[in-house]
N, C-alpha and C. Protein backbone atom coordinates (compact mmCIF):
# COMPACT_ATOMS: atom_id res chain seq x y z
N MET A 1 167.80 94.72 40.82
CA MET A 1 168.64 94.10 41.85
C MET A 1 167.76 93.65 43.01
N SER A 2 167.75 92.36 43.28
CA SER A 2 166.78 91.87 44.27
C SER A 2 167.42 91.66 45.64
N ASP A 3 168.71 91.97 45.77
CA ASP A 3 169.33 91.73 47.08
C ASP A 3 169.29 92.96 47.98
N LYS A 4 168.37 93.88 47.69
CA LYS A 4 168.19 95.03 48.57
C LYS A 4 167.48 94.59 49.85
N ILE A 5 167.72 95.31 50.94
CA ILE A 5 167.01 95.02 52.19
C ILE A 5 165.60 95.58 52.04
N ARG A 6 164.61 94.70 52.13
CA ARG A 6 163.22 95.10 51.93
C ARG A 6 162.62 95.54 53.26
N ILE A 7 162.07 96.75 53.29
CA ILE A 7 161.66 97.34 54.56
C ILE A 7 160.20 97.75 54.61
N LEU A 8 159.57 97.44 55.75
CA LEU A 8 158.20 97.89 56.02
C LEU A 8 158.31 99.03 57.04
N VAL A 9 157.68 100.18 56.73
CA VAL A 9 157.70 101.31 57.66
C VAL A 9 156.30 101.48 58.26
N ALA A 10 156.18 101.29 59.57
CA ALA A 10 154.90 101.45 60.25
C ALA A 10 154.99 102.65 61.18
N GLU A 11 154.27 103.69 60.84
CA GLU A 11 154.34 104.96 61.58
C GLU A 11 153.06 105.73 61.31
N ASP A 12 152.36 106.18 62.37
CA ASP A 12 151.06 106.82 62.11
C ASP A 12 151.16 108.28 61.69
N HIS A 13 152.31 108.92 61.93
CA HIS A 13 152.44 110.32 61.50
C HIS A 13 152.97 110.36 60.07
N LEU A 14 152.16 110.90 59.19
CA LEU A 14 152.48 110.90 57.76
C LEU A 14 153.85 111.52 57.49
N VAL A 15 154.12 112.67 58.09
CA VAL A 15 155.38 113.37 57.82
C VAL A 15 156.58 112.50 58.22
N ALA A 16 156.47 111.89 59.40
CA ALA A 16 157.57 111.03 59.87
C ALA A 16 157.72 109.82 58.95
N ARG A 17 156.58 109.25 58.55
CA ARG A 17 156.61 108.06 57.70
C ARG A 17 157.28 108.36 56.35
N VAL A 18 156.86 109.48 55.76
CA VAL A 18 157.42 109.89 54.47
C VAL A 18 158.92 110.16 54.62
N GLY A 19 159.26 110.82 55.74
CA GLY A 19 160.67 111.14 56.00
C GLY A 19 161.54 109.90 56.09
N VAL A 20 161.09 108.94 56.88
CA VAL A 20 161.85 107.69 57.06
C VAL A 20 161.95 106.94 55.73
N SER A 21 160.82 106.86 55.03
CA SER A 21 160.82 106.14 53.75
C SER A 21 161.79 106.78 52.76
N ALA A 22 161.82 108.11 52.76
CA ALA A 22 162.72 108.83 51.84
C ALA A 22 164.18 108.51 52.15
N ILE A 23 164.52 108.53 53.44
CA ILE A 23 165.91 108.23 53.85
C ILE A 23 166.28 106.82 53.39
N VAL A 24 165.37 105.87 53.65
CA VAL A 24 165.63 104.47 53.31
C VAL A 24 165.78 104.29 51.80
N ASN A 25 164.85 104.87 51.04
CA ASN A 25 164.86 104.68 49.59
C ASN A 25 166.07 105.32 48.90
N MET A 26 166.73 106.24 49.61
CA MET A 26 167.93 106.88 49.03
C MET A 26 169.16 105.95 49.12
N GLN A 27 169.04 104.89 49.91
CA GLN A 27 170.19 103.98 50.08
C GLN A 27 170.22 102.97 48.94
N PRO A 28 171.39 102.74 48.37
CA PRO A 28 171.49 101.79 47.25
C PRO A 28 171.14 100.36 47.65
N ASP A 29 171.27 100.05 48.97
CA ASP A 29 171.05 98.65 49.37
C ASP A 29 169.73 98.45 50.10
N MET A 30 168.81 99.44 50.02
CA MET A 30 167.54 99.31 50.74
C MET A 30 166.36 99.77 49.88
N THR A 31 165.19 99.23 50.18
CA THR A 31 163.97 99.70 49.52
C THR A 31 162.76 99.51 50.44
N VAL A 32 161.87 100.49 50.45
CA VAL A 32 160.65 100.37 51.24
C VAL A 32 159.61 99.62 50.41
N VAL A 33 159.16 98.46 50.92
CA VAL A 33 158.20 97.67 50.15
C VAL A 33 156.76 97.94 50.57
N ALA A 34 156.57 98.50 51.78
CA ALA A 34 155.21 98.78 52.25
C ALA A 34 155.25 99.79 53.38
N GLU A 35 154.11 100.49 53.54
CA GLU A 35 153.97 101.43 54.66
C GLU A 35 152.67 101.13 55.38
N ALA A 36 152.66 101.37 56.69
CA ALA A 36 151.45 101.14 57.48
C ALA A 36 151.26 102.33 58.41
N SER A 37 149.99 102.67 58.68
CA SER A 37 149.75 103.83 59.55
C SER A 37 149.20 103.44 60.91
N ASN A 38 149.05 102.12 61.16
CA ASN A 38 148.71 101.68 62.52
C ASN A 38 149.23 100.26 62.71
N GLY A 39 149.17 99.78 63.96
CA GLY A 39 149.75 98.48 64.28
C GLY A 39 149.10 97.32 63.54
N GLN A 40 147.77 97.40 63.40
CA GLN A 40 147.07 96.30 62.73
C GLN A 40 147.47 96.21 61.27
N GLN A 41 147.58 97.39 60.64
CA GLN A 41 148.02 97.43 59.24
C GLN A 41 149.42 96.87 59.11
N ALA A 42 150.24 97.17 60.11
CA ALA A 42 151.63 96.69 60.09
C ALA A 42 151.65 95.16 60.03
N VAL A 43 150.78 94.52 60.84
CA VAL A 43 150.73 93.06 60.86
C VAL A 43 150.26 92.53 59.50
N GLU A 44 149.21 93.18 58.95
CA GLU A 44 148.68 92.75 57.65
C GLU A 44 149.71 92.93 56.54
N MET A 45 150.40 94.09 56.56
CA MET A 45 151.42 94.38 55.53
C MET A 45 152.58 93.40 55.65
N PHE A 46 152.89 93.03 56.89
CA PHE A 46 153.99 92.08 57.09
C PHE A 46 153.65 90.75 56.43
N ARG A 47 152.43 90.27 56.69
CA ARG A 47 151.98 89.00 56.08
C ARG A 47 152.07 89.05 54.55
N GLN A 48 151.66 90.21 54.03
CA GLN A 48 151.58 90.36 52.59
C GLN A 48 152.96 90.45 51.93
N HIS A 49 153.86 91.20 52.56
CA HIS A 49 155.15 91.50 51.90
C HIS A 49 156.35 90.75 52.48
N LEU A 50 156.20 90.17 53.68
CA LEU A 50 157.31 89.50 54.36
C LEU A 50 158.63 90.30 54.23
N PRO A 51 158.66 91.50 54.78
CA PRO A 51 159.85 92.35 54.66
C PRO A 51 161.04 91.76 55.42
N ASP A 52 162.25 92.20 55.06
CA ASP A 52 163.45 91.76 55.77
C ASP A 52 163.54 92.46 57.13
N VAL A 53 163.17 93.73 57.13
CA VAL A 53 163.24 94.52 58.37
C VAL A 53 161.98 95.38 58.48
N THR A 54 161.41 95.44 59.68
CA THR A 54 160.22 96.28 59.91
C THR A 54 160.57 97.38 60.90
N LEU A 55 160.26 98.62 60.53
CA LEU A 55 160.43 99.75 61.45
C LEU A 55 159.07 100.03 62.07
N LEU A 56 158.99 99.92 63.39
CA LEU A 56 157.71 100.05 64.08
C LEU A 56 157.69 101.24 65.02
N ASP A 57 156.77 102.15 64.78
CA ASP A 57 156.55 103.21 65.76
C ASP A 57 155.80 102.55 66.92
N LEU A 58 156.23 102.80 68.16
CA LEU A 58 155.59 102.10 69.28
C LEU A 58 154.22 102.67 69.61
N ARG A 59 154.03 103.96 69.31
CA ARG A 59 152.76 104.58 69.69
C ARG A 59 151.88 104.79 68.47
N MET A 60 151.07 103.77 68.18
CA MET A 60 150.19 103.87 67.01
C MET A 60 148.76 103.55 67.42
N PRO A 61 147.79 104.06 66.65
CA PRO A 61 146.39 103.75 66.95
C PRO A 61 146.03 102.32 66.59
N VAL A 62 144.83 101.89 66.97
CA VAL A 62 144.27 100.55 66.71
C VAL A 62 145.04 99.46 67.46
N MET A 63 146.35 99.44 67.24
CA MET A 63 147.19 98.43 67.87
C MET A 63 148.56 99.10 68.05
N THR A 64 149.14 99.03 69.24
CA THR A 64 150.43 99.70 69.44
C THR A 64 151.54 98.94 68.74
N GLY A 65 152.69 99.58 68.64
CA GLY A 65 153.84 98.92 68.02
C GLY A 65 154.25 97.66 68.77
N VAL A 66 154.17 97.72 70.11
CA VAL A 66 154.55 96.54 70.90
C VAL A 66 153.57 95.39 70.62
N GLU A 67 152.27 95.70 70.57
CA GLU A 67 151.27 94.66 70.27
C GLU A 67 151.48 94.09 68.87
N ALA A 68 151.81 94.98 67.94
CA ALA A 68 152.06 94.53 66.56
C ALA A 68 153.29 93.63 66.52
N ALA A 69 154.33 94.02 67.27
CA ALA A 69 155.57 93.23 67.29
C ALA A 69 155.29 91.83 67.84
N ILE A 70 154.48 91.78 68.91
CA ILE A 70 154.15 90.48 69.52
C ILE A 70 153.36 89.62 68.52
N ALA A 71 152.40 90.24 67.82
CA ALA A 71 151.58 89.51 66.84
C ALA A 71 152.44 89.00 65.68
N ILE A 72 153.32 89.86 65.19
CA ILE A 72 154.19 89.47 64.06
C ILE A 72 155.12 88.34 64.50
N ARG A 73 155.71 88.52 65.67
CA ARG A 73 156.66 87.52 66.18
C ARG A 73 155.99 86.16 66.39
N ALA A 74 154.71 86.18 66.83
CA ALA A 74 153.99 84.93 67.06
C ALA A 74 153.81 84.15 65.75
N GLU A 75 153.58 84.88 64.67
CA GLU A 75 153.37 84.24 63.37
C GLU A 75 154.67 83.98 62.63
N PHE A 76 155.61 84.91 62.79
CA PHE A 76 156.88 84.84 62.05
C PHE A 76 158.04 85.01 63.05
N PRO A 77 158.44 83.92 63.68
CA PRO A 77 159.47 84.01 64.73
C PRO A 77 160.78 84.61 64.22
N GLN A 78 161.00 84.54 62.90
CA GLN A 78 162.27 85.05 62.36
C GLN A 78 162.24 86.55 62.04
N ALA A 79 161.11 87.20 62.29
CA ALA A 79 160.96 88.61 61.89
C ALA A 79 162.05 89.49 62.51
N HIS A 80 162.55 90.41 61.70
CA HIS A 80 163.53 91.39 62.18
C HIS A 80 162.82 92.73 62.34
N MET A 81 162.81 93.25 63.57
CA MET A 81 162.05 94.48 63.81
C MET A 81 162.85 95.52 64.59
N ILE A 82 162.58 96.78 64.27
CA ILE A 82 163.23 97.90 64.95
C ILE A 82 162.14 98.81 65.53
N ALA A 83 162.24 99.13 66.81
CA ALA A 83 161.28 100.05 67.42
C ALA A 83 161.76 101.48 67.21
N LEU A 84 160.86 102.32 66.74
CA LEU A 84 161.13 103.75 66.58
C LEU A 84 160.18 104.46 67.51
N THR A 85 160.68 105.30 68.39
CA THR A 85 159.76 105.85 69.38
C THR A 85 160.25 107.17 69.95
N THR A 86 159.31 107.91 70.55
CA THR A 86 159.71 109.14 71.24
C THR A 86 160.08 108.82 72.68
N TYR A 87 159.77 107.58 73.13
CA TYR A 87 160.04 107.22 74.53
C TYR A 87 161.43 106.63 74.72
N GLY A 88 162.12 107.07 75.77
CA GLY A 88 163.41 106.47 76.06
C GLY A 88 163.48 105.87 77.44
N GLY A 89 162.34 105.65 78.09
CA GLY A 89 162.34 105.10 79.45
C GLY A 89 162.74 103.64 79.47
N ASP A 90 163.39 103.22 80.56
CA ASP A 90 163.90 101.84 80.58
C ASP A 90 162.80 100.80 80.49
N GLU A 91 161.62 101.10 81.06
CA GLU A 91 160.53 100.13 80.98
C GLU A 91 160.03 99.99 79.54
N ASP A 92 159.99 101.12 78.81
CA ASP A 92 159.58 101.06 77.40
C ASP A 92 160.53 100.18 76.61
N ILE A 93 161.83 100.37 76.87
CA ILE A 93 162.84 99.62 76.15
C ILE A 93 162.69 98.13 76.45
N ARG A 94 162.52 97.81 77.75
CA ARG A 94 162.38 96.40 78.14
C ARG A 94 161.15 95.76 77.49
N ARG A 95 160.04 96.54 77.48
CA ARG A 95 158.79 96.03 76.93
C ARG A 95 158.96 95.69 75.44
N ALA A 96 159.62 96.61 74.73
CA ALA A 96 159.82 96.42 73.29
C ALA A 96 160.75 95.23 73.02
N LEU A 97 161.82 95.14 73.79
CA LEU A 97 162.77 94.04 73.60
C LEU A 97 162.09 92.70 73.93
N ALA A 98 161.24 92.72 74.95
CA ALA A 98 160.52 91.50 75.33
C ALA A 98 159.56 91.10 74.21
N ALA A 99 159.04 92.09 73.48
CA ALA A 99 158.10 91.81 72.38
C ALA A 99 158.82 91.26 71.16
N GLY A 100 160.15 91.36 71.17
CA GLY A 100 160.90 90.75 70.07
C GLY A 100 161.58 91.70 69.11
N VAL A 101 161.63 93.01 69.42
CA VAL A 101 162.37 93.89 68.51
C VAL A 101 163.87 93.73 68.77
N GLN A 102 164.66 93.91 67.72
CA GLN A 102 166.11 93.74 67.87
C GLN A 102 166.84 95.07 68.00
N ALA A 103 166.13 96.16 67.78
CA ALA A 103 166.78 97.47 67.93
C ALA A 103 165.75 98.45 68.46
N TYR A 104 166.23 99.44 69.21
CA TYR A 104 165.33 100.41 69.82
C TYR A 104 165.92 101.78 69.58
N LEU A 105 165.24 102.57 68.76
CA LEU A 105 165.75 103.89 68.42
C LEU A 105 164.76 104.96 68.84
N THR A 106 165.25 106.02 69.47
CA THR A 106 164.36 107.14 69.74
C THR A 106 164.36 108.01 68.47
N LYS A 107 163.27 108.74 68.27
CA LYS A 107 163.07 109.41 66.98
C LYS A 107 164.04 110.56 66.71
N ASP A 108 164.84 110.92 67.73
CA ASP A 108 165.79 112.00 67.46
C ASP A 108 167.12 111.45 66.93
N VAL A 109 167.15 110.17 66.56
CA VAL A 109 168.41 109.60 66.06
C VAL A 109 168.77 110.21 64.71
N LEU A 110 170.04 110.20 64.42
CA LEU A 110 170.51 110.72 63.14
C LEU A 110 170.31 109.65 62.07
N HIS A 111 170.24 110.11 60.82
CA HIS A 111 170.04 109.19 59.69
C HIS A 111 171.01 108.03 59.75
N ASP A 112 172.29 108.35 59.99
CA ASP A 112 173.33 107.31 59.97
C ASP A 112 173.02 106.21 60.97
N GLU A 113 172.54 106.62 62.13
CA GLU A 113 172.25 105.65 63.18
C GLU A 113 171.09 104.74 62.74
N LEU A 114 170.09 105.33 62.13
CA LEU A 114 168.94 104.56 61.64
C LEU A 114 169.41 103.52 60.61
N LEU A 115 170.24 103.96 59.68
CA LEU A 115 170.71 103.06 58.61
C LEU A 115 171.62 101.97 59.18
N LYS A 116 172.44 102.37 60.16
CA LYS A 116 173.31 101.40 60.83
C LYS A 116 172.47 100.32 61.51
N ALA A 117 171.39 100.77 62.19
CA ALA A 117 170.51 99.84 62.90
C ALA A 117 169.85 98.88 61.92
N ILE A 118 169.37 99.40 60.79
CA ILE A 118 168.71 98.55 59.79
C ILE A 118 169.68 97.47 59.30
N ARG A 119 170.91 97.88 58.98
CA ARG A 119 171.88 96.90 58.46
C ARG A 119 172.25 95.87 59.53
N ALA A 120 172.38 96.34 60.77
CA ALA A 120 172.76 95.42 61.86
C ALA A 120 171.66 94.39 62.10
N VAL A 121 170.41 94.88 62.18
CA VAL A 121 169.27 93.99 62.45
C VAL A 121 169.08 93.02 61.28
N HIS A 122 169.28 93.52 60.08
CA HIS A 122 169.16 92.65 58.89
C HIS A 122 170.19 91.53 58.96
N ALA A 123 171.35 91.84 59.54
CA ALA A 123 172.42 90.84 59.66
C ALA A 123 172.22 89.94 60.88
N GLY A 124 171.08 90.15 61.58
CA GLY A 124 170.78 89.28 62.71
C GLY A 124 171.33 89.75 64.04
N GLN A 125 171.80 91.01 64.09
CA GLN A 125 172.34 91.53 65.34
C GLN A 125 171.31 92.37 66.08
N THR A 126 171.60 92.60 67.36
CA THR A 126 170.78 93.52 68.15
C THR A 126 171.47 94.87 68.10
N TYR A 127 170.69 95.95 68.06
CA TYR A 127 171.30 97.26 67.99
C TYR A 127 170.65 98.21 68.99
N LEU A 128 171.43 98.62 69.99
CA LEU A 128 170.93 99.61 70.95
C LEU A 128 171.90 100.79 70.95
N PRO A 129 171.43 101.97 70.55
CA PRO A 129 172.30 103.14 70.57
C PRO A 129 172.83 103.37 71.99
N ALA A 130 173.94 104.06 72.08
CA ALA A 130 174.59 104.29 73.38
C ALA A 130 173.62 104.85 74.42
N ALA A 131 172.81 105.82 74.01
CA ALA A 131 171.90 106.48 74.96
C ALA A 131 170.86 105.50 75.50
N VAL A 132 170.40 104.61 74.64
CA VAL A 132 169.40 103.63 75.04
C VAL A 132 170.03 102.59 75.97
N ALA A 133 171.21 102.13 75.59
CA ALA A 133 171.92 101.15 76.42
C ALA A 133 172.20 101.77 77.80
N ALA A 134 172.54 103.06 77.80
CA ALA A 134 172.82 103.74 79.06
C ALA A 134 171.56 103.86 79.91
N ALA A 135 170.43 104.12 79.27
CA ALA A 135 169.17 104.24 80.01
C ALA A 135 168.85 102.91 80.70
N LEU A 136 169.13 101.80 80.00
CA LEU A 136 168.88 100.49 80.58
C LEU A 136 169.85 100.20 81.71
N ALA A 137 171.11 100.52 81.49
CA ALA A 137 172.14 100.20 82.48
C ALA A 137 172.04 101.09 83.71
N ALA A 138 171.69 102.35 83.48
CA ALA A 138 171.69 103.32 84.59
C ALA A 138 170.56 103.09 85.57
N GLN A 139 169.50 102.47 85.09
CA GLN A 139 168.34 102.31 85.95
C GLN A 139 168.54 101.19 86.95
N MET A 140 167.86 101.34 88.07
CA MET A 140 167.84 100.26 89.03
C MET A 140 167.18 99.06 88.34
N PRO A 141 167.27 97.89 88.95
CA PRO A 141 166.58 96.75 88.36
C PRO A 141 165.11 97.09 88.16
N ARG A 142 164.50 96.37 87.26
CA ARG A 142 163.10 96.64 86.94
C ARG A 142 162.25 96.62 88.21
N PRO A 143 161.46 97.67 88.42
CA PRO A 143 160.63 97.71 89.63
C PRO A 143 159.59 96.59 89.55
N ASP A 144 159.57 95.74 90.56
CA ASP A 144 158.70 94.59 90.50
C ASP A 144 157.33 94.94 91.08
N LEU A 145 156.62 95.81 90.40
CA LEU A 145 155.32 96.27 90.90
C LEU A 145 154.24 95.24 90.57
N SER A 146 153.34 95.04 91.52
CA SER A 146 152.21 94.15 91.24
C SER A 146 151.22 94.90 90.34
N ALA A 147 150.29 94.17 89.75
CA ALA A 147 149.29 94.79 88.87
C ALA A 147 148.50 95.85 89.64
N ARG A 148 148.17 95.56 90.89
CA ARG A 148 147.43 96.52 91.72
C ARG A 148 148.27 97.76 92.00
N GLU A 149 149.56 97.57 92.25
CA GLU A 149 150.44 98.72 92.51
C GLU A 149 150.55 99.61 91.28
N VAL A 150 150.56 98.99 90.11
CA VAL A 150 150.61 99.79 88.88
C VAL A 150 149.34 100.62 88.76
N GLN A 151 148.18 100.02 89.12
CA GLN A 151 146.91 100.78 89.09
C GLN A 151 146.97 101.97 90.04
N VAL A 152 147.46 101.71 91.25
CA VAL A 152 147.56 102.79 92.26
C VAL A 152 148.51 103.87 91.75
N LEU A 153 149.64 103.44 91.19
CA LEU A 153 150.64 104.39 90.68
C LEU A 153 150.05 105.26 89.58
N GLU A 154 149.23 104.65 88.73
CA GLU A 154 148.61 105.41 87.65
C GLU A 154 147.71 106.52 88.22
N LEU A 155 147.00 106.20 89.28
CA LEU A 155 146.12 107.19 89.90
C LEU A 155 146.92 108.26 90.66
N ILE A 156 148.06 107.87 91.19
CA ILE A 156 148.96 108.85 91.83
C ILE A 156 149.44 109.84 90.75
N VAL A 157 149.81 109.29 89.59
CA VAL A 157 150.27 110.12 88.47
C VAL A 157 149.17 111.11 88.07
N ARG A 158 147.92 110.65 88.15
CA ARG A 158 146.80 111.53 87.79
C ARG A 158 146.46 112.52 88.89
N GLY A 159 147.17 112.42 90.00
CA GLY A 159 146.99 113.41 91.07
C GLY A 159 145.92 113.09 92.10
N LEU A 160 145.46 111.84 92.15
CA LEU A 160 144.42 111.49 93.12
C LEU A 160 145.02 111.27 94.52
N ALA A 161 144.24 111.66 95.53
CA ALA A 161 144.65 111.43 96.92
C ALA A 161 144.27 110.00 97.31
N ASN A 162 144.81 109.53 98.43
CA ASN A 162 144.56 108.14 98.87
C ASN A 162 143.07 107.81 98.94
N LYS A 163 142.30 108.77 99.49
CA LYS A 163 140.86 108.54 99.66
C LYS A 163 140.19 108.31 98.30
N GLN A 164 140.58 109.15 97.31
CA GLN A 164 140.00 109.04 95.96
C GLN A 164 140.44 107.73 95.29
N ILE A 165 141.70 107.36 95.53
CA ILE A 165 142.22 106.10 94.96
C ILE A 165 141.42 104.93 95.54
N ALA A 166 141.21 104.97 96.87
CA ALA A 166 140.47 103.90 97.54
C ALA A 166 139.07 103.77 96.93
N TYR A 167 138.42 104.92 96.74
CA TYR A 167 137.07 104.94 96.17
C TYR A 167 137.10 104.39 94.74
N SER A 168 138.07 104.87 93.99
CA SER A 168 138.18 104.51 92.58
C SER A 168 138.41 103.01 92.39
N LEU A 169 139.19 102.40 93.27
CA LEU A 169 139.52 100.98 93.12
C LEU A 169 138.68 100.08 94.03
N SER A 170 137.75 100.71 94.77
CA SER A 170 136.89 99.98 95.72
C SER A 170 137.72 99.17 96.73
N ILE A 171 138.72 99.81 97.29
CA ILE A 171 139.50 99.15 98.35
C ILE A 171 139.59 100.10 99.54
N ALA A 172 140.02 99.57 100.68
CA ALA A 172 140.10 100.39 101.90
C ALA A 172 141.25 101.39 101.80
N GLU A 173 141.08 102.53 102.50
CA GLU A 173 142.11 103.57 102.41
C GLU A 173 143.44 103.08 102.99
N HIS A 174 143.37 102.29 104.06
CA HIS A 174 144.64 101.83 104.64
C HIS A 174 145.36 100.86 103.69
N THR A 175 144.59 100.16 102.85
CA THR A 175 145.20 99.28 101.84
C THR A 175 145.96 100.13 100.83
N VAL A 176 145.35 101.26 100.44
CA VAL A 176 146.01 102.18 99.51
C VAL A 176 147.32 102.67 100.12
N LYS A 177 147.27 103.05 101.41
CA LYS A 177 148.48 103.54 102.09
C LYS A 177 149.60 102.50 102.03
N ASN A 178 149.24 101.24 102.25
CA ASN A 178 150.24 100.17 102.18
C ASN A 178 150.82 100.05 100.78
N HIS A 179 149.93 100.14 99.78
CA HIS A 179 150.40 100.07 98.39
C HIS A 179 151.36 101.22 98.09
N VAL A 180 150.99 102.42 98.53
CA VAL A 180 151.82 103.61 98.26
C VAL A 180 153.20 103.42 98.89
N LYS A 181 153.21 102.94 100.12
CA LYS A 181 154.48 102.71 100.82
C LYS A 181 155.36 101.73 100.04
N SER A 182 154.72 100.67 99.58
CA SER A 182 155.44 99.64 98.82
C SER A 182 155.96 100.20 97.49
N ILE A 183 155.13 101.03 96.81
CA ILE A 183 155.52 101.63 95.53
C ILE A 183 156.74 102.53 95.72
N LEU A 184 156.69 103.38 96.75
CA LEU A 184 157.81 104.30 97.00
C LEU A 184 159.10 103.52 97.22
N SER A 185 158.98 102.46 98.01
CA SER A 185 160.18 101.68 98.31
C SER A 185 160.70 100.95 97.06
N LYS A 186 159.79 100.42 96.25
CA LYS A 186 160.23 99.70 95.05
C LYS A 186 160.85 100.64 94.01
N LEU A 187 160.33 101.86 93.94
CA LEU A 187 160.87 102.82 92.97
C LEU A 187 162.08 103.56 93.53
N GLY A 188 162.33 103.38 94.82
CA GLY A 188 163.46 104.05 95.46
C GLY A 188 163.28 105.55 95.53
N VAL A 189 162.05 106.00 95.82
CA VAL A 189 161.79 107.44 95.90
C VAL A 189 161.20 107.81 97.26
N GLN A 190 161.20 109.14 97.56
CA GLN A 190 160.79 109.62 98.88
C GLN A 190 159.29 109.89 99.00
N ASP A 191 158.69 110.41 97.92
CA ASP A 191 157.29 110.82 98.04
C ASP A 191 156.52 110.59 96.75
N ARG A 192 155.22 110.93 96.80
CA ARG A 192 154.33 110.67 95.66
C ARG A 192 154.75 111.42 94.40
N THR A 193 155.22 112.65 94.59
CA THR A 193 155.63 113.45 93.42
C THR A 193 156.79 112.77 92.71
N GLN A 194 157.76 112.32 93.50
CA GLN A 194 158.91 111.63 92.90
C GLN A 194 158.47 110.33 92.24
N ALA A 195 157.50 109.66 92.88
CA ALA A 195 157.00 108.40 92.32
C ALA A 195 156.36 108.66 90.96
N ALA A 196 155.55 109.72 90.88
CA ALA A 196 154.88 110.06 89.62
C ALA A 196 155.91 110.40 88.54
N THR A 197 156.92 111.18 88.92
CA THR A 197 157.97 111.56 87.97
C THR A 197 158.71 110.33 87.46
N ALA A 198 159.09 109.47 88.40
CA ALA A 198 159.83 108.25 88.02
C ALA A 198 158.98 107.37 87.11
N ALA A 199 157.69 107.27 87.44
CA ALA A 199 156.79 106.41 86.66
C ALA A 199 156.71 106.87 85.21
N ILE A 200 156.68 108.20 85.02
CA ILE A 200 156.57 108.74 83.66
C ILE A 200 157.92 108.65 82.93
N GLN A 201 158.98 109.06 83.62
CA GLN A 201 160.30 109.06 82.99
C GLN A 201 160.73 107.66 82.56
N ARG A 202 160.39 106.67 83.40
CA ARG A 202 160.85 105.31 83.09
C ARG A 202 159.87 104.56 82.19
N GLY A 203 158.75 105.21 81.87
CA GLY A 203 157.82 104.56 80.94
C GLY A 203 156.98 103.48 81.59
N ILE A 204 156.87 103.52 82.94
CA ILE A 204 156.02 102.53 83.62
C ILE A 204 154.56 102.92 83.38
N ILE A 205 154.30 104.23 83.45
CA ILE A 205 152.96 104.78 83.18
C ILE A 205 153.08 105.77 82.02
N HIS A 206 152.16 105.70 81.08
CA HIS A 206 152.14 106.68 79.99
C HIS A 206 150.94 107.60 80.16
N LEU A 207 151.18 108.88 80.08
CA LEU A 207 150.06 109.81 80.12
C LEU A 207 149.37 109.75 78.77
N PRO A 208 148.02 109.79 78.78
CA PRO A 208 147.32 109.73 77.47
C PRO A 208 147.65 110.95 76.63
């Protein structure tokens, strides 16, 4: 039967990859045609197999899921992709959707939800689970941080003081103070600790 939904599973954790593939292969209307363990492999496997739907883990070595999605989309504008991730921050979701994925699932989703998402995306629909849609809706508008502010925020997250940030970025300390003030106001928080927490929770900054 050739009318099965052909699926590429890209996930660097073997156990998770095998698990997802097993769930998919148990469905009468689906089959896994290829597996990839990093983003670059995902792009190569996509070219080779042209799957109907691609499941992409966002956090993969060599090339992230978002980078892979952008690369696939550039070559195959019709590609149907689903992001699978441990991150549920609104910035992560926005980044993935901007890269061209049609569904965004956190890895704690139930089997049914995963299968529902695959069928929806295959049918050309967008699929955002309630929790993900809520994360997007509940957040303030996207914080419009400049590239420099994101750098400063990253160093705040790492626990550096203004003086260290100034040294690290080769800028004046009072410039750092202005950036910090602007960051707090854009994130709608009171202090550096809250800024760091918000940055991590919303997926603006990822800890290595």
